[in-house]
C-alpha cells in the first residue's frame, strides 16, 4: 500500500514537471515566434531599402553614361 502511494506520488510529480516544462516551452516558442516576426519585418524593410538603392544606382549609371556621351560628343567637335 505504501509502495502504491509512493508510485502515485512520483507519477503526480512527473506529470507536474511535464506540465511545467510544457508551459516553459510554450512561452519560449511564443518568444521565438515574436522574434521571427520582428526579423521578417526588418528583413522586408531592408529588402525595400536595397531595391530603392539599386534603382538609384541604375539611374545614376544612366545619368553618368549620358554625361560621358555628351563629353565625348563635345570632344569630337
C-alpha atoms as a PDB file:
ATOM      1  CA  UNK A   1       0.000   0.000   0.000  1.00  0.00           C
ATOM      2  CA  UNK A   2       2.805   2.409   0.855  1.00  0.00           C
ATOM      3  CA  UNK A   3       4.513   1.497  -2.432  1.00  0.00           C
ATOM      4  CA  UNK A   4       1.397   2.388  -4.403  1.00  0.00           C
ATOM      5  CA  UNK A   5       1.181   5.804  -2.708  1.00  0.00           C
ATOM      6  CA  UNK A   6       4.843   6.385  -3.471  1.00  0.00           C
ATOM      7  CA  UNK A   7       4.296   5.398  -7.113  1.00  0.00           C
ATOM      8  CA  UNK A   8       1.240   7.669  -7.424  1.00  0.00           C
ATOM      9  CA  UNK A   9       3.154  10.475  -5.735  1.00  0.00           C
ATOM     10  CA  UNK A  10       6.033  10.059  -8.191  1.00  0.00           C
ATOM     11  CA  UNK A  11       3.635   9.979 -11.127  1.00  0.00           C
ATOM     12  CA  UNK A  12       1.948  13.171  -9.923  1.00  0.00           C
ATOM     13  CA  UNK A  13       5.365  14.772  -9.519  1.00  0.00           C
ATOM     14  CA  UNK A  14       6.416  13.693 -13.015  1.00  0.00           C
ATOM     15  CA  UNK A  15       3.157  14.936 -14.540  1.00  0.00           C
ATOM     16  CA  UNK A  16       3.528  18.287 -12.767  1.00  0.00           C
ATOM     17  CA  UNK A  17       7.112  18.522 -14.013  1.00  0.00           C
ATOM     18  CA  UNK A  18       5.976  17.767 -17.566  1.00  0.00           C
ATOM     19  CA  UNK A  19       3.254  20.393 -17.347  1.00  0.00           C
ATOM     20  CA  UNK A  20       5.744  22.956 -16.052  1.00  0.00           C
ATOM     21  CA  UNK A  21       8.155  22.141 -18.883  1.00  0.00           C
ATOM     22  CA  UNK A  22       5.321  22.292 -21.388  1.00  0.00           C
ATOM     23  CA  UNK A  23       4.374  25.796 -20.222  1.00  0.00           C
ATOM     24  CA  UNK A  24       8.021  26.885 -20.381  1.00  0.00           C
ATOM     25  CA  UNK A  25       8.312  25.554 -23.933  1.00  0.00           C
ATOM     26  CA  UNK A  26       5.077  27.289 -24.919  1.00  0.00           C
ATOM     27  CA  UNK A  27       6.404  30.557 -23.563  1.00  0.00           C
ATOM     28  CA  UNK A  28       9.753  30.105 -25.288  1.00  0.00           C
ATOM     29  CA  UNK A  29       8.007  29.180 -28.529  1.00  0.00           C
ATOM     30  CA  UNK A  30       5.900  32.338 -28.382  1.00  0.00           C
ATOM     31  CA  UNK A  31       9.004  34.446 -27.753  1.00  0.00           C
ATOM     32  CA  UNK A  32      10.743  32.854 -30.711  1.00  0.00           C
ATOM     33  CA  UNK A  33       7.672  33.368 -32.890  1.00  0.00           C
ATOM     34  CA  UNK A  34       7.647  37.075 -31.998  1.00  0.00           C
ATOM     35  CA  UNK A  35      11.365  37.316 -32.724  1.00  0.00           C
ATOM     36  CA  UNK A  36      10.892  35.666 -36.121  1.00  0.00           C
ATOM     37  CA  UNK A  37       8.089  38.086 -36.979  1.00  0.00           C
ATOM     38  CA  UNK A  38      10.277  41.045 -35.977  1.00  0.00           C
ATOM     39  CA  UNK A  39      13.198  39.758 -38.016  1.00  0.00           C
ATOM     40  CA  UNK A  40      10.975  39.141 -41.039  1.00  0.00           C
ATOM     41  CA  UNK A  41       9.688  42.721 -40.838  1.00  0.00           C
ATOM     42  CA  UNK A  42      13.229  44.053 -40.551  1.00  0.00           C
ATOM     43  CA  UNK A  43      14.299  41.893 -43.485  1.00  0.00           C
ATOM     44  CA  UNK A  44      11.435  43.175 -45.610  1.00  0.00           C
ATOM     45  CA  UNK A  45      12.334  46.782 -44.758  1.00  0.00           C
ATOM     46  CA  UNK A  46      15.940  46.140 -45.729  1.00  0.00           C
ATOM     47  CA  UNK A  47      14.859  44.475 -48.974  1.00  0.00           C
ATOM     48  CA  UNK A  48      12.826  47.577 -49.819  1.00  0.00           C
ATOM     49  CA  UNK A  49      15.782  49.808 -48.978  1.00  0.00           C
ATOM     50  CA  UNK A  50      18.122  47.688 -51.124  1.00  0.00           C
ATOM     51  CA  UNK A  51      15.667  47.832 -54.008  1.00  0.00           C
ATOM     52  CA  UNK A  52      15.471  51.621 -53.783  1.00  0.00           C
ATOM     53  CA  UNK A  53      19.262  51.901 -53.665  1.00  0.00           C
ATOM     54  CA  UNK A  54      19.562  49.642 -56.714  1.00  0.00           C
ATOM     55  CA  UNK A  55      17.091  51.834 -58.585  1.00  0.00           C
ATOM     56  CA  UNK A  56      19.040  54.945 -57.594  1.00  0.00           C
ATOM     57  CA  UNK A  57      22.303  53.326 -58.691  1.00  0.00           C
ATOM     58  CA  UNK A  58      20.790  52.373 -62.039  1.00  0.00           C
ATOM     59  CA  UNK A  59      19.541  55.945 -62.505  1.00  0.00           C
ATOM     60  CA  UNK A  60      22.970  57.347 -61.598  1.00  0.00           C
ATOM     61  CA  UNK A  61      24.669  54.952 -64.024  1.00  0.00           C
ATOM     62  CA  UNK A  62      22.342  56.037 -66.807  1.00  0.00           C
ATOM     63  CA  UNK A  63      22.975  59.665 -65.908  1.00  0.00           C
ATOM     64  CA  UNK A  64      26.747  59.217 -65.871  1.00  0.00           C
ATOM     65  CA  UNK A  65      26.604  57.358 -69.208  1.00  0.00           C
ATOM     66  CA  UNK A  66      24.618  60.272 -70.630  1.00  0.00           C
ATOM     67  CA  UNK A  67      27.146  62.784 -69.314  1.00  0.00           C
ATOM     68  CA  UNK A  68      30.037  60.730 -70.666  1.00  0.00           C
ATOM     69  CA  UNK A  69      28.299  60.588 -74.045  1.00  0.00           C
ATOM     70  CA  UNK A  70      27.922  64.362 -74.077  1.00  0.00           C
ATOM     71  CA  UNK A  71      31.582  64.854 -73.140  1.00  0.00           C
ATOM     72  CA  UNK A  72      32.673  62.508 -75.932  1.00  0.00           C
ATOM     73  CA  UNK A  73      30.433  64.383 -78.365  1.00  0.00           C
ATOM     74  CA  UNK A  74      31.986  67.719 -77.372  1.00  0.00           C
ATOM     75  CA  UNK A  75      35.497  66.285 -77.702  1.00  0.00           C
ATOM     76  CA  UNK A  76      34.747  65.009 -81.231  1.00  0.00           C
ATOM     77  CA  UNK A  77      33.908  68.536 -82.432  1.00  0.00           C
END
